[in-house]
Amino acid sequence: MLLSEFKNILQASNELTFALPNGTTVPAHFHVTEIGQMDKRFMDCGGTIRNESIISMQLWTSVDVWHRLDPQKTVRIIEAAVEQLQLGDHTIEVEYQGETIQKFHLAFDNDMFRLKPINTACLASDACGVPTFAEIKEKVSSCCAPGSGCC
């Protein structure tokens, strides 16, 4: 979800709820402790130089169980960050504390924001020779066919 999409949903919302992938919700007394733009310049395993920019938003809970952020206050936080930090309209990654800091993509359905797992992936699979699942399945099927002599 882009920052602009998040802001538009907030402006039309009365509540602010975040659900973790396991279905539990982030406690209602969470804080948005930071929001900023993270720029990453890197080289993938195929030698391609890449640039990536994301909006990082950190949620945090403490012992102040009476604390509540409403959607309008969150919009004001975003607007201040956009103005002062010159944030771009990039995909949001939400950080939340699990066993370590966990990062999630953000989606919205059933009147709540859903924290979606982020998975690693090879960005240059064609260059580093990692076969696809279909290629492996085909190789195993042909190798172990009756009469092939390999099984």
N, C-alpha and C. Protein backbone atom coordinates (compact mmCIF):
# COMPACT_ATOMS: atom_id res chain seq x y z
N MET A 1 0.84 -1.17 0.00
CA MET A 1 0.00 0.00 0.00
C MET A 1 0.90 1.24 0.00
N LEU A 2 0.55 2.17 -0.87
CA LEU A 2 1.29 3.42 -0.94
C LEU A 2 0.89 4.35 0.21
N LEU A 3 1.76 5.26 0.55
CA LEU A 3 1.48 6.23 1.62
C LEU A 3 0.20 7.00 1.32
N SER A 4 -0.01 7.43 0.07
CA SER A 4 -1.22 8.17 -0.30
C SER A 4 -2.48 7.33 -0.09
N GLU A 5 -2.42 6.04 -0.39
CA GLU A 5 -3.57 5.15 -0.18
C GLU A 5 -3.89 5.02 1.31
N PHE A 6 -2.84 4.86 2.11
CA PHE A 6 -3.01 4.76 3.56
C PHE A 6 -3.69 6.02 4.10
N LYS A 7 -3.20 7.16 3.68
CA LYS A 7 -3.75 8.44 4.13
C LYS A 7 -5.21 8.58 3.69
N ASN A 8 -5.54 8.22 2.46
CA ASN A 8 -6.92 8.31 1.96
C ASN A 8 -7.87 7.42 2.76
N ILE A 9 -7.41 6.22 3.08
CA ILE A 9 -8.25 5.30 3.88
C ILE A 9 -8.45 5.88 5.27
N LEU A 10 -7.37 6.41 5.87
CA LEU A 10 -7.49 7.01 7.20
C LEU A 10 -8.49 8.15 7.21
N GLN A 11 -8.47 8.99 6.18
CA GLN A 11 -9.37 10.14 6.12
C GLN A 11 -10.83 9.73 6.07
N ALA A 12 -11.11 8.52 5.60
CA ALA A 12 -12.49 8.03 5.51
C ALA A 12 -12.84 7.08 6.66
N SER A 13 -11.94 6.92 7.63
CA SER A 13 -12.13 5.95 8.71
C SER A 13 -12.45 6.61 10.04
N ASN A 14 -13.13 5.85 10.88
CA ASN A 14 -13.42 6.29 12.25
C ASN A 14 -12.53 5.57 13.27
N GLU A 15 -12.01 4.42 12.89
CA GLU A 15 -11.19 3.62 13.80
C GLU A 15 -9.87 3.29 13.13
N LEU A 16 -8.89 2.95 13.96
CA LEU A 16 -7.57 2.59 13.46
C LEU A 16 -7.15 1.29 14.14
N THR A 17 -7.26 0.20 13.39
CA THR A 17 -6.93 -1.12 13.91
C THR A 17 -5.96 -1.80 12.95
N PHE A 18 -4.94 -2.44 13.54
CA PHE A 18 -3.96 -3.20 12.77
C PHE A 18 -4.04 -4.65 13.21
N ALA A 19 -4.18 -5.57 12.25
CA ALA A 19 -4.23 -7.00 12.55
C ALA A 19 -2.93 -7.66 12.10
N LEU A 20 -2.37 -8.47 12.97
CA LEU A 20 -1.16 -9.24 12.65
C LEU A 20 -1.53 -10.43 11.78
N PRO A 21 -0.56 -11.03 11.10
CA PRO A 21 -0.86 -12.18 10.23
C PRO A 21 -1.55 -13.34 10.95
N ASN A 22 -1.32 -13.51 12.24
CA ASN A 22 -1.95 -14.61 12.98
C ASN A 22 -3.38 -14.30 13.41
N GLY A 23 -3.89 -13.10 13.04
CA GLY A 23 -5.27 -12.74 13.35
C GLY A 23 -5.43 -11.89 14.60
N THR A 24 -4.44 -11.85 15.47
CA THR A 24 -4.53 -10.99 16.64
C THR A 24 -4.34 -9.53 16.20
N THR A 25 -4.83 -8.62 17.00
CA THR A 25 -4.68 -7.22 16.67
C THR A 25 -3.59 -6.58 17.53
N VAL A 26 -2.96 -5.57 16.96
CA VAL A 26 -2.01 -4.77 17.72
C VAL A 26 -2.83 -4.10 18.82
N PRO A 27 -2.36 -4.12 20.07
CA PRO A 27 -3.14 -3.49 21.14
C PRO A 27 -3.54 -2.06 20.79
N ALA A 28 -4.75 -1.69 21.17
CA ALA A 28 -5.32 -0.39 20.78
C ALA A 28 -4.52 0.80 21.31
N HIS A 29 -3.65 0.58 22.29
CA HIS A 29 -2.88 1.68 22.86
C HIS A 29 -1.52 1.87 22.18
N PHE A 30 -1.39 1.39 20.94
CA PHE A 30 -0.11 1.51 20.22
C PHE A 30 0.22 2.98 19.94
N HIS A 31 1.49 3.22 19.71
CA HIS A 31 2.00 4.52 19.28
C HIS A 31 2.59 4.36 17.89
N VAL A 32 2.57 5.40 17.08
CA VAL A 32 3.37 5.47 15.87
C VAL A 32 4.64 6.19 16.32
N THR A 33 5.73 5.44 16.51
CA THR A 33 6.93 6.04 17.09
C THR A 33 7.85 6.65 16.05
N GLU A 34 7.68 6.28 14.81
CA GLU A 34 8.47 6.92 13.75
C GLU A 34 7.82 6.67 12.41
N ILE A 35 8.05 7.61 11.52
CA ILE A 35 7.66 7.45 10.12
C ILE A 35 8.73 8.17 9.30
N GLY A 36 9.21 7.50 8.29
CA GLY A 36 10.26 8.10 7.49
C GLY A 36 10.45 7.36 6.19
N GLN A 37 11.34 7.86 5.38
CA GLN A 37 11.64 7.24 4.09
C GLN A 37 13.00 6.55 4.19
N MET A 38 13.04 5.31 3.76
CA MET A 38 14.28 4.53 3.75
C MET A 38 14.66 4.32 2.29
N ASP A 39 15.84 4.77 1.93
CA ASP A 39 16.36 4.61 0.58
C ASP A 39 17.47 3.58 0.61
N LYS A 40 17.39 2.63 -0.29
CA LYS A 40 18.35 1.52 -0.33
C LYS A 40 18.93 1.43 -1.72
N ARG A 41 20.24 1.40 -1.81
CA ARG A 41 20.95 1.20 -3.08
C ARG A 41 21.76 -0.07 -2.90
N PHE A 42 21.53 -1.03 -3.79
CA PHE A 42 22.17 -2.33 -3.62
C PHE A 42 22.40 -3.01 -4.96
N MET A 43 23.15 -4.08 -4.91
CA MET A 43 23.40 -4.89 -6.10
C MET A 43 22.85 -6.28 -5.83
N ASP A 44 22.05 -6.78 -6.78
CA ASP A 44 21.53 -8.13 -6.61
C ASP A 44 22.59 -9.16 -7.00
N CYS A 45 22.28 -10.43 -6.82
CA CYS A 45 23.26 -11.49 -7.06
C CYS A 45 23.60 -11.66 -8.54
N GLY A 46 22.86 -10.99 -9.42
CA GLY A 46 23.17 -11.02 -10.85
C GLY A 46 23.99 -9.83 -11.29
N GLY A 47 24.33 -8.94 -10.34
CA GLY A 47 25.16 -7.80 -10.65
C GLY A 47 24.41 -6.54 -11.05
N THR A 48 23.08 -6.57 -10.97
CA THR A 48 22.29 -5.40 -11.32
C THR A 48 22.21 -4.45 -10.12
N ILE A 49 22.53 -3.17 -10.36
CA ILE A 49 22.41 -2.16 -9.32
C ILE A 49 20.94 -1.76 -9.22
N ARG A 50 20.44 -1.72 -8.01
CA ARG A 50 19.03 -1.41 -7.79
C ARG A 50 18.88 -0.30 -6.76
N ASN A 51 17.81 0.45 -6.88
CA ASN A 51 17.44 1.48 -5.91
C ASN A 51 16.02 1.21 -5.46
N GLU A 52 15.80 1.34 -4.17
CA GLU A 52 14.48 1.09 -3.62
C GLU A 52 14.21 2.14 -2.55
N SER A 53 13.02 2.69 -2.53
CA SER A 53 12.59 3.62 -1.49
C SER A 53 11.30 3.10 -0.90
N ILE A 54 11.23 3.08 0.42
CA ILE A 54 10.00 2.67 1.12
C ILE A 54 9.71 3.69 2.21
N ILE A 55 8.47 3.72 2.63
CA ILE A 55 8.08 4.50 3.81
C ILE A 55 8.05 3.52 4.97
N SER A 56 8.83 3.80 5.98
CA SER A 56 8.89 2.96 7.17
C SER A 56 8.07 3.60 8.28
N MET A 57 7.16 2.82 8.84
CA MET A 57 6.33 3.30 9.95
C MET A 57 6.44 2.29 11.08
N GLN A 58 6.80 2.75 12.25
CA GLN A 58 6.99 1.84 13.38
C GLN A 58 5.83 1.98 14.36
N LEU A 59 5.25 0.83 14.72
CA LEU A 59 4.21 0.78 15.75
C LEU A 59 4.85 0.22 17.02
N TRP A 60 4.44 0.76 18.16
CA TRP A 60 5.03 0.35 19.44
C TRP A 60 3.97 0.44 20.52
N THR A 61 4.00 -0.49 21.44
CA THR A 61 3.09 -0.44 22.59
C THR A 61 3.91 -0.39 23.87
N SER A 62 3.32 0.25 24.87
CA SER A 62 3.97 0.36 26.17
C SER A 62 2.92 0.13 27.25
N VAL A 63 3.17 0.65 28.44
CA VAL A 63 2.29 0.40 29.57
C VAL A 63 1.15 1.42 29.67
N ASP A 64 1.14 2.42 28.81
CA ASP A 64 0.09 3.45 28.86
C ASP A 64 -1.15 2.99 28.11
N VAL A 65 -1.88 2.08 28.73
CA VAL A 65 -3.00 1.41 28.06
C VAL A 65 -4.15 2.36 27.74
N TRP A 66 -4.15 3.57 28.24
CA TRP A 66 -5.19 4.55 27.95
C TRP A 66 -4.91 5.31 26.65
N HIS A 67 -3.70 5.18 26.10
CA HIS A 67 -3.31 5.90 24.89
C HIS A 67 -4.10 5.40 23.69
N ARG A 68 -4.59 6.31 22.85
CA ARG A 68 -5.28 5.93 21.63
C ARG A 68 -4.93 6.92 20.53
N LEU A 69 -4.64 6.39 19.36
CA LEU A 69 -4.46 7.21 18.16
C LEU A 69 -5.69 7.03 17.30
N ASP A 70 -6.28 8.12 16.87
CA ASP A 70 -7.40 7.99 15.95
C ASP A 70 -6.89 8.26 14.53
N PRO A 71 -7.68 7.94 13.52
CA PRO A 71 -7.24 8.13 12.14
C PRO A 71 -6.85 9.57 11.81
N GLN A 72 -7.60 10.55 12.34
CA GLN A 72 -7.30 11.94 12.01
C GLN A 72 -5.96 12.38 12.60
N LYS A 73 -5.65 11.97 13.80
CA LYS A 73 -4.35 12.28 14.41
C LYS A 73 -3.23 11.63 13.60
N THR A 74 -3.46 10.43 13.14
CA THR A 74 -2.45 9.73 12.33
C THR A 74 -2.24 10.45 11.00
N VAL A 75 -3.30 10.96 10.40
CA VAL A 75 -3.17 11.75 9.17
C VAL A 75 -2.30 12.98 9.44
N ARG A 76 -2.51 13.65 10.57
CA ARG A 76 -1.70 14.83 10.90
C ARG A 76 -0.23 14.47 11.08
N ILE A 77 0.04 13.31 11.66
CA ILE A 77 1.43 12.83 11.82
C ILE A 77 2.04 12.61 10.43
N ILE A 78 1.30 11.97 9.55
CA ILE A 78 1.78 11.70 8.19
C ILE A 78 2.02 13.02 7.45
N GLU A 79 1.07 13.93 7.52
CA GLU A 79 1.22 15.21 6.81
C GLU A 79 2.44 15.99 7.30
N ALA A 80 2.69 15.98 8.60
CA ALA A 80 3.87 16.66 9.15
C ALA A 80 5.15 16.00 8.64
N ALA A 81 5.16 14.67 8.60
CA ALA A 81 6.35 13.95 8.12
C ALA A 81 6.58 14.21 6.63
N VAL A 82 5.51 14.21 5.84
CA VAL A 82 5.63 14.46 4.40
C VAL A 82 6.20 15.86 4.18
N GLU A 83 5.68 16.82 4.92
CA GLU A 83 6.14 18.21 4.74
C GLU A 83 7.59 18.39 5.22
N GLN A 84 7.88 17.92 6.40
CA GLN A 84 9.20 18.19 6.98
C GLN A 84 10.31 17.32 6.40
N LEU A 85 9.97 16.10 6.00
CA LEU A 85 10.98 15.16 5.47
C LEU A 85 10.95 15.03 3.96
N GLN A 86 9.96 15.68 3.32
CA GLN A 86 9.79 15.58 1.87
C GLN A 86 9.65 14.11 1.45
N LEU A 87 8.77 13.38 2.11
CA LEU A 87 8.56 11.97 1.82
C LEU A 87 7.92 11.79 0.46
N GLY A 88 8.35 10.75 -0.25
CA GLY A 88 7.73 10.38 -1.51
C GLY A 88 6.52 9.50 -1.27
N ASP A 89 5.79 9.23 -2.32
CA ASP A 89 4.62 8.34 -2.22
C ASP A 89 5.07 6.92 -2.54
N HIS A 90 5.62 6.26 -1.53
CA HIS A 90 6.18 4.92 -1.70
C HIS A 90 5.37 3.90 -0.89
N THR A 91 5.66 2.64 -1.13
CA THR A 91 5.04 1.55 -0.38
C THR A 91 5.42 1.66 1.09
N ILE A 92 4.45 1.40 1.95
CA ILE A 92 4.68 1.44 3.40
C ILE A 92 5.13 0.06 3.88
N GLU A 93 6.15 0.05 4.72
CA GLU A 93 6.53 -1.13 5.49
C GLU A 93 6.32 -0.77 6.95
N VAL A 94 5.58 -1.62 7.65
CA VAL A 94 5.30 -1.39 9.06
C VAL A 94 6.24 -2.26 9.89
N GLU A 95 6.90 -1.62 10.85
CA GLU A 95 7.74 -2.35 11.80
C GLU A 95 6.95 -2.54 13.08
N TYR A 96 7.04 -3.75 13.64
CA TYR A 96 6.36 -4.05 14.91
C TYR A 96 7.19 -5.06 15.65
N GLN A 97 7.21 -4.96 16.96
CA GLN A 97 8.06 -5.82 17.79
C GLN A 97 7.45 -7.20 17.97
N GLY A 98 8.17 -8.23 17.51
CA GLY A 98 7.84 -9.62 17.81
C GLY A 98 9.01 -10.14 18.63
N GLU A 99 9.55 -11.31 18.28
CA GLU A 99 10.76 -11.78 18.93
C GLU A 99 11.93 -10.87 18.59
N THR A 100 11.84 -10.22 17.44
CA THR A 100 12.75 -9.18 17.00
C THR A 100 11.89 -8.19 16.23
N ILE A 101 12.47 -7.14 15.70
CA ILE A 101 11.65 -6.22 14.91
C ILE A 101 11.19 -6.95 13.65
N GLN A 102 9.89 -6.99 13.45
CA GLN A 102 9.31 -7.62 12.27
C GLN A 102 8.86 -6.54 11.32
N LYS A 103 8.95 -6.82 10.03
CA LYS A 103 8.51 -5.87 9.01
C LYS A 103 7.36 -6.50 8.22
N PHE A 104 6.39 -5.65 7.91
CA PHE A 104 5.19 -6.12 7.21
C PHE A 104 4.81 -5.15 6.11
N HIS A 105 4.16 -5.68 5.06
CA HIS A 105 3.46 -4.85 4.09
C HIS A 105 2.10 -4.54 4.70
N LEU A 106 1.39 -3.62 4.10
CA LEU A 106 0.12 -3.17 4.65
C LEU A 106 -0.98 -3.35 3.62
N ALA A 107 -2.11 -3.88 4.07
CA ALA A 107 -3.30 -4.03 3.23
C ALA A 107 -4.50 -3.57 4.06
N PHE A 108 -5.63 -3.39 3.42
CA PHE A 108 -6.83 -2.96 4.13
C PHE A 108 -8.02 -3.77 3.65
N ASP A 109 -8.71 -4.40 4.59
CA ASP A 109 -9.98 -5.05 4.27
C ASP A 109 -10.76 -5.26 5.57
N ASN A 110 -12.06 -5.35 5.42
CA ASN A 110 -12.98 -5.50 6.56
C ASN A 110 -12.74 -4.43 7.62
N ASP A 111 -12.57 -3.20 7.18
CA ASP A 111 -12.41 -2.05 8.07
C ASP A 111 -11.20 -2.10 8.99
N MET A 112 -10.18 -2.86 8.59
CA MET A 112 -8.96 -2.84 9.39
C MET A 112 -7.74 -3.01 8.50
N PHE A 113 -6.63 -2.49 9.01
CA PHE A 113 -5.36 -2.63 8.30
C PHE A 113 -4.77 -3.99 8.65
N ARG A 114 -4.31 -4.68 7.65
CA ARG A 114 -3.73 -6.02 7.82
C ARG A 114 -2.22 -5.93 7.60
N LEU A 115 -1.47 -6.44 8.56
CA LEU A 115 -0.02 -6.52 8.42
C LEU A 115 0.29 -7.83 7.70
N LYS A 116 0.87 -7.72 6.53
CA LYS A 116 1.13 -8.88 5.67
C LYS A 116 2.62 -9.21 5.70
N PRO A 117 2.97 -10.49 5.85
CA PRO A 117 4.38 -10.88 5.88
C PRO A 117 5.12 -10.44 4.62
N ILE A 118 6.38 -10.11 4.80
CA ILE A 118 7.27 -9.79 3.68
C ILE A 118 8.21 -10.97 3.53
N ASN A 119 8.36 -11.46 2.32
CA ASN A 119 9.24 -12.59 2.06
C ASN A 119 10.45 -12.17 1.26
N THR A 120 11.56 -12.85 1.51
CA THR A 120 12.74 -12.61 0.70
C THR A 120 12.58 -13.34 -0.63
N ALA A 121 13.32 -12.88 -1.62
CA ALA A 121 13.28 -13.52 -2.94
C ALA A 121 14.56 -13.17 -3.68
N CYS A 122 14.95 -14.02 -4.58
CA CYS A 122 16.08 -13.73 -5.45
C CYS A 122 15.57 -12.82 -6.56
N LEU A 123 16.22 -11.67 -6.72
CA LEU A 123 15.80 -10.71 -7.74
C LEU A 123 16.42 -11.01 -9.10
N ALA A 124 17.38 -11.92 -9.14
CA ALA A 124 18.06 -12.23 -10.41
C ALA A 124 18.11 -13.74 -10.61
N SER A 125 16.98 -14.40 -10.43
CA SER A 125 16.97 -15.86 -10.52
C SER A 125 17.44 -16.37 -11.88
N ASP A 126 17.21 -15.59 -12.93
CA ASP A 126 17.68 -16.00 -14.25
C ASP A 126 19.21 -15.95 -14.32
N ALA A 127 19.84 -15.08 -13.56
CA ALA A 127 21.30 -14.93 -13.60
C ALA A 127 22.03 -15.89 -12.68
N CYS A 128 21.38 -16.30 -11.59
CA CYS A 128 22.11 -17.15 -10.65
C CYS A 128 21.73 -18.63 -10.75
N GLY A 129 20.88 -18.98 -11.69
CA GLY A 129 20.63 -20.38 -11.99
C GLY A 129 19.71 -21.11 -11.04
N VAL A 130 18.91 -20.41 -10.27
CA VAL A 130 17.98 -21.07 -9.37
C VAL A 130 16.80 -21.57 -10.20
N PRO A 131 16.56 -22.88 -10.21
CA PRO A 131 15.45 -23.40 -11.02
C PRO A 131 14.10 -23.05 -10.40
N THR A 132 13.08 -22.96 -11.24
CA THR A 132 11.73 -22.73 -10.74
C THR A 132 11.18 -24.04 -10.20
N PHE A 133 10.11 -23.95 -9.44
CA PHE A 133 9.47 -25.14 -8.91
C PHE A 133 9.01 -26.05 -10.06
N ALA A 134 8.47 -25.45 -11.12
CA ALA A 134 8.00 -26.23 -12.27
C ALA A 134 9.15 -27.00 -12.92
N GLU A 135 10.33 -26.38 -13.03
CA GLU A 135 11.50 -27.06 -13.62
C GLU A 135 11.94 -28.23 -12.76
N ILE A 136 11.93 -28.05 -11.46
CA ILE A 136 12.32 -29.13 -10.55
C ILE A 136 11.32 -30.27 -10.64
N LYS A 137 10.03 -29.92 -10.65
CA LYS A 137 8.98 -30.94 -10.73
C LYS A 137 9.13 -31.74 -12.02
N GLU A 138 9.38 -31.07 -13.13
CA GLU A 138 9.53 -31.74 -14.42
C GLU A 138 10.74 -32.68 -14.39
N LYS A 139 11.85 -32.21 -13.83
CA LYS A 139 13.07 -33.02 -13.77
C LYS A 139 12.85 -34.26 -12.92
N VAL A 140 12.21 -34.09 -11.76
CA VAL A 140 11.95 -35.23 -10.88
C VAL A 140 11.00 -36.20 -11.55
N SER A 141 9.96 -35.70 -12.23
CA SER A 141 8.99 -36.56 -12.89
C SER A 141 9.65 -37.38 -13.99
N SER A 142 10.48 -36.74 -14.79
CA SER A 142 11.09 -37.46 -15.90
C SER A 142 12.15 -38.44 -15.40
N CYS A 143 12.84 -38.08 -14.34
CA CYS A 143 13.90 -38.94 -13.81
C CYS A 143 13.31 -40.20 -13.17
N CYS A 144 12.21 -40.05 -12.51
CA CYS A 144 11.65 -41.17 -11.77
C CYS A 144 10.51 -41.87 -12.51
N ALA A 145 10.41 -41.65 -13.80
CA ALA A 145 9.38 -42.33 -14.57
C ALA A 145 9.72 -43.82 -14.66
N PRO A 146 8.68 -44.65 -14.67
CA PRO A 146 8.94 -46.08 -14.80
C PRO A 146 9.79 -46.38 -16.03
N GLY A 147 10.81 -47.21 -15.84
CA GLY A 147 11.68 -47.58 -16.95
C GLY A 147 12.79 -46.59 -17.19
N SER A 148 12.89 -45.50 -16.41
CA SER A 148 13.95 -44.51 -16.65
C SER A 148 15.29 -44.99 -16.13
N GLY A 149 15.27 -45.97 -15.21
CA GLY A 149 16.52 -46.50 -14.70
C GLY A 149 17.14 -45.68 -13.58
N CYS A 150 16.51 -44.61 -13.17
CA CYS A 150 17.14 -43.78 -12.12
C CYS A 150 16.57 -44.03 -10.75
N CYS A 151 15.46 -44.71 -10.61
CA CYS A 151 14.85 -44.89 -9.30
C CYS A 151 14.97 -46.34 -8.84
